[in-house]
Amino acid sequence: MVSALAVYHGAISKLECEDRLGKMGKDGAYLIRDSETIQAAMCLCVYRQKVVYTYRILQTNTGNYSLQTAPGVEEKLFKTLEELVQHYKHRGQGLAQHLRHLVKRKTLLQLTAPNVIDEEPDYENVDESDYVEVLPS
């Protein structure tokens, strides 16, 4: 399942992608996001010398993944996105920069949970019942 991969950031924009990669600021930083222009396609985005290179990931009818190539260039097929990523971690595989530093996506918990610890509750029990009374702020 694609959405379970830490490398997959989902439907973020090109600008958001560039921001995340730029914040890491390391050559070889990479992530995968949904394509903004082709439905059901994804993009492998790689940072090198303050430039983000984007490679379109397509899925074949048989479920394999490949990077979109120029006419005449042999297409490499991978059974999973993990295999594709592992392959492009090696130098000399045709990318502007081999993959070196995974930019993990933020988890749902990190996006929604406040970073507050030991906060006083906003209520108190008036009696021994299961009901609570909310105090004014």
C-alpha atoms as a PDB file:
ATOM      1  CA  MET A   1       0.000   0.000   0.000  1.00  0.00           C
ATOM      2  CA  VAL A   2       1.532   3.281  -1.157  1.00  0.00           C
ATOM      3  CA  SER A   3       0.062   5.486   1.575  1.00  0.00           C
ATOM      4  CA  ALA A   4       1.857   3.463   4.285  1.00  0.00           C
ATOM      5  CA  LEU A   5       5.308   4.342   2.945  1.00  0.00           C
ATOM      6  CA  ALA A   6       7.229   7.018   4.879  1.00  0.00           C
ATOM      7  CA  VAL A   7       8.632   8.348   1.569  1.00  0.00           C
ATOM      8  CA  TYR A   8       5.144   8.993   0.154  1.00  0.00           C
ATOM      9  CA  HIS A   9       3.827  12.486   0.941  1.00  0.00           C
ATOM     10  CA  GLY A  10       0.548  12.234  -0.970  1.00  0.00           C
ATOM     11  CA  ALA A  11      -1.095  15.179  -2.707  1.00  0.00           C
ATOM     12  CA  ILE A  12       1.323  17.946  -1.753  1.00  0.00           C
ATOM     13  CA  SER A  13       2.038  20.707  -4.247  1.00  0.00           C
ATOM     14  CA  LYS A  14       5.285  21.153  -6.145  1.00  0.00           C
ATOM     15  CA  LEU A  15       6.014  24.219  -3.984  1.00  0.00           C
ATOM     16  CA  GLU A  16       5.395  22.325  -0.741  1.00  0.00           C
ATOM     17  CA  CYS A  17       7.651  19.535  -2.014  1.00  0.00           C
ATOM     18  CA  GLU A  18      10.434  21.987  -2.852  1.00  0.00           C
ATOM     19  CA  ASP A  19      10.052  23.555   0.591  1.00  0.00           C
ATOM     20  CA  ARG A  20      10.351  20.201   2.397  1.00  0.00           C
ATOM     21  CA  LEU A  21      13.385  19.152   0.380  1.00  0.00           C
ATOM     22  CA  GLY A  22      14.977  22.592   0.714  1.00  0.00           C
ATOM     23  CA  LYS A  23      14.577  22.558   4.501  1.00  0.00           C
ATOM     24  CA  MET A  24      16.660  19.387   4.636  1.00  0.00           C
ATOM     25  CA  GLY A  25      19.149  21.058   2.290  1.00  0.00           C
ATOM     26  CA  LYS A  26      21.149  17.912   1.520  1.00  0.00           C
ATOM     27  CA  ASP A  27      22.054  16.635  -1.937  1.00  0.00           C
ATOM     28  CA  GLY A  28      20.196  13.381  -2.462  1.00  0.00           C
ATOM     29  CA  ALA A  29      17.213  14.284  -0.252  1.00  0.00           C
ATOM     30  CA  TYR A  30      14.098  12.742  -1.808  1.00  0.00           C
ATOM     31  CA  LEU A  31      10.385  12.103  -1.447  1.00  0.00           C
ATOM     32  CA  ILE A  32       7.488  10.799  -3.524  1.00  0.00           C
ATOM     33  CA  ARG A  33       4.316  12.848  -4.069  1.00  0.00           C
ATOM     34  CA  ASP A  34       1.225  12.647  -6.266  1.00  0.00           C
ATOM     35  CA  SER A  35       1.547  14.220  -9.705  1.00  0.00           C
ATOM     36  CA  GLU A  36      -0.370  17.471 -10.050  1.00  0.00           C
ATOM     37  CA  THR A  37      -0.827  17.040 -13.812  1.00  0.00           C
ATOM     38  CA  ILE A  38      -1.388  13.315 -14.451  1.00  0.00           C
ATOM     39  CA  GLN A  39      -4.039  11.476 -12.476  1.00  0.00           C
ATOM     40  CA  ALA A  40      -2.809   8.222 -10.844  1.00  0.00           C
ATOM     41  CA  ALA A  41       0.852   9.115 -11.474  1.00  0.00           C
ATOM     42  CA  MET A  42       3.389  10.023  -8.817  1.00  0.00           C
ATOM     43  CA  CYS A  43       6.616  12.011  -8.806  1.00  0.00           C
ATOM     44  CA  LEU A  44       9.991  11.087  -7.396  1.00  0.00           C
ATOM     45  CA  CYS A  45      11.545  14.403  -6.334  1.00  0.00           C
ATOM     46  CA  VAL A  46      15.274  14.678  -5.631  1.00  0.00           C
ATOM     47  CA  TYR A  47      17.248  17.655  -4.283  1.00  0.00           C
ATOM     48  CA  ARG A  48      20.671  18.550  -5.688  1.00  0.00           C
ATOM     49  CA  GLN A  49      22.536  21.835  -5.301  1.00  0.00           C
ATOM     50  CA  LYS A  50      19.419  23.886  -4.441  1.00  0.00           C
ATOM     51  CA  VAL A  51      17.445  22.438  -7.399  1.00  0.00           C
ATOM     52  CA  VAL A  52      14.637  19.871  -7.168  1.00  0.00           C
ATOM     53  CA  TYR A  53      14.576  17.331 -10.006  1.00  0.00           C
ATOM     54  CA  THR A  54      11.230  15.639 -10.625  1.00  0.00           C
ATOM     55  CA  TYR A  55      10.795  12.226 -12.237  1.00  0.00           C
ATOM     56  CA  ARG A  56       7.326  10.907 -13.050  1.00  0.00           C
ATOM     57  CA  ILE A  57       6.485   7.456 -11.684  1.00  0.00           C
ATOM     58  CA  LEU A  58       3.974   5.510 -13.756  1.00  0.00           C
ATOM     59  CA  GLN A  59       2.228   2.262 -12.888  1.00  0.00           C
ATOM     60  CA  THR A  60       1.734  -0.283 -15.664  1.00  0.00           C
ATOM     61  CA  ASN A  61      -1.395  -2.354 -16.291  1.00  0.00           C
ATOM     62  CA  THR A  62       0.346  -5.263 -14.540  1.00  0.00           C
ATOM     63  CA  GLY A  63       0.940  -3.191 -11.391  1.00  0.00           C
ATOM     64  CA  ASN A  64       4.663  -2.599 -11.885  1.00  0.00           C
ATOM     65  CA  TYR A  65       6.238   0.827 -11.382  1.00  0.00           C
ATOM     66  CA  SER A  66       8.682   2.666 -13.633  1.00  0.00           C
ATOM     67  CA  LEU A  67      10.118   6.121 -14.135  1.00  0.00           C
ATOM     68  CA  GLN A  68       8.919   7.817 -17.298  1.00  0.00           C
ATOM     69  CA  THR A  69      11.777   7.751 -19.804  1.00  0.00           C
ATOM     70  CA  ALA A  70      12.635   9.502 -23.031  1.00  0.00           C
ATOM     71  CA  PRO A  71      11.842   7.676 -26.287  1.00  0.00           C
ATOM     72  CA  GLY A  72      14.454   5.011 -27.007  1.00  0.00           C
ATOM     73  CA  VAL A  73      15.559   4.675 -23.365  1.00  0.00           C
ATOM     74  CA  GLU A  74      14.924   1.228 -21.887  1.00  0.00           C
ATOM     75  CA  GLU A  75      12.194   1.231 -19.262  1.00  0.00           C
ATOM     76  CA  LYS A  76      13.062  -0.410 -15.914  1.00  0.00           C
ATOM     77  CA  LEU A  77      10.146  -2.098 -14.144  1.00  0.00           C
ATOM     78  CA  PHE A  78       9.832  -2.597 -10.391  1.00  0.00           C
ATOM     79  CA  LYS A  79       7.258  -4.682  -8.502  1.00  0.00           C
ATOM     80  CA  THR A  80       7.041  -2.161  -5.646  1.00  0.00           C
ATOM     81  CA  LEU A  81       7.924   1.449  -4.933  1.00  0.00           C
ATOM     82  CA  GLU A  82      10.390   0.178  -2.330  1.00  0.00           C
ATOM     83  CA  GLU A  83      12.275  -1.689  -5.080  1.00  0.00           C
ATOM     84  CA  LEU A  84      12.266   1.420  -7.275  1.00  0.00           C
ATOM     85  CA  VAL A  85      13.680   3.547  -4.442  1.00  0.00           C
ATOM     86  CA  GLN A  86      16.338   0.949  -3.590  1.00  0.00           C
ATOM     87  CA  HIS A  87      17.445   0.819  -7.229  1.00  0.00           C
ATOM     88  CA  TYR A  88      17.877   4.591  -7.489  1.00  0.00           C
ATOM     89  CA  LYS A  89      19.915   4.739  -4.276  1.00  0.00           C
ATOM     90  CA  HIS A  90      22.840   3.484  -6.378  1.00  0.00           C
ATOM     91  CA  ARG A  91      24.985   5.896  -8.367  1.00  0.00           C
ATOM     92  CA  GLY A  92      24.831   5.966 -12.157  1.00  0.00           C
ATOM     93  CA  GLN A  93      21.191   4.967 -12.607  1.00  0.00           C
ATOM     94  CA  GLY A  94      20.204   7.989 -14.699  1.00  0.00           C
ATOM     95  CA  LEU A  95      19.057  10.472 -12.053  1.00  0.00           C
ATOM     96  CA  ALA A  96      20.645  13.885 -11.546  1.00  0.00           C
ATOM     97  CA  GLN A  97      21.503  12.685  -8.025  1.00  0.00           C
ATOM     98  CA  HIS A  98      21.222   9.213  -6.478  1.00  0.00           C
ATOM     99  CA  LEU A  99      18.814   8.923  -3.555  1.00  0.00           C
ATOM    100  CA  ARG A 100      20.525   9.419  -0.207  1.00  0.00           C
ATOM    101  CA  HIS A 101      18.314  11.112   2.399  1.00  0.00           C
ATOM    102  CA  LEU A 102      14.683  10.129   2.859  1.00  0.00           C
ATOM    103  CA  VAL A 103      12.419  13.046   3.759  1.00  0.00           C
ATOM    104  CA  LYS A 104       9.763  11.345   5.879  1.00  0.00           C
ATOM    105  CA  ARG A 105       6.234  12.646   5.719  1.00  0.00           C
ATOM    106  CA  LYS A 106       4.583  14.046   8.789  1.00  0.00           C
ATOM    107  CA  THR A 107       2.246  11.559  10.384  1.00  0.00           C
ATOM    108  CA  LEU A 108      -1.398  12.362  11.018  1.00  0.00           C
ATOM    109  CA  LEU A 109      -0.614  12.407  14.731  1.00  0.00           C
ATOM    110  CA  GLN A 110       2.115  15.008  14.239  1.00  0.00           C
ATOM    111  CA  LEU A 111      -0.235  17.168  12.190  1.00  0.00           C
ATOM    112  CA  THR A 112      -3.147  17.127  14.615  1.00  0.00           C
ATOM    113  CA  ALA A 113      -1.866  16.534  18.156  1.00  0.00           C
ATOM    114  CA  PRO A 114      -0.909  19.624  20.139  1.00  0.00           C
ATOM    115  CA  ASN A 115       2.549  19.602  21.705  1.00  0.00           C
ATOM    116  CA  VAL A 116       1.235  20.456  25.184  1.00  0.00           C
ATOM    117  CA  ILE A 117       2.225  18.396  28.208  1.00  0.00           C
ATOM    118  CA  ASP A 118       0.861  18.520  31.768  1.00  0.00           C
ATOM    119  CA  GLU A 119      -1.842  21.055  30.970  1.00  0.00           C
ATOM    120  CA  GLU A 120      -4.449  21.793  33.637  1.00  0.00           C
ATOM    121  CA  PRO A 121      -7.857  20.329  32.723  1.00  0.00           C
ATOM    122  CA  ASP A 122     -10.635  22.716  31.646  1.00  0.00           C
ATOM    123  CA  TYR A 123     -13.213  21.037  33.869  1.00  0.00           C
ATOM    124  CA  GLU A 124     -13.813  19.811  37.409  1.00  0.00           C
ATOM    125  CA  ASN A 125     -16.191  17.293  38.885  1.00  0.00           C
ATOM    126  CA  VAL A 126     -18.961  18.995  40.808  1.00  0.00           C
ATOM    127  CA  ASP A 127     -20.087  15.804  42.457  1.00  0.00           C
ATOM    128  CA  GLU A 128     -19.380  12.077  42.159  1.00  0.00           C
ATOM    129  CA  SER A 129     -21.435  11.726  38.940  1.00  0.00           C
ATOM    130  CA  ASP A 130     -20.154  10.982  35.438  1.00  0.00           C
ATOM    131  CA  TYR A 131     -20.870  14.550  34.336  1.00  0.00           C
ATOM    132  CA  VAL A 132     -18.367  17.381  34.359  1.00  0.00           C
ATOM    133  CA  GLU A 133     -18.854  21.105  34.372  1.00  0.00           C
ATOM    134  CA  VAL A 134     -16.763  23.167  31.982  1.00  0.00           C
ATOM    135  CA  LEU A 135     -15.128  26.148  33.628  1.00  0.00           C
ATOM    136  CA  PRO A 136     -15.077  29.493  31.795  1.00  0.00           C
ATOM    137  CA  SER A 137     -11.787  30.416  30.171  1.00  0.00           C
END
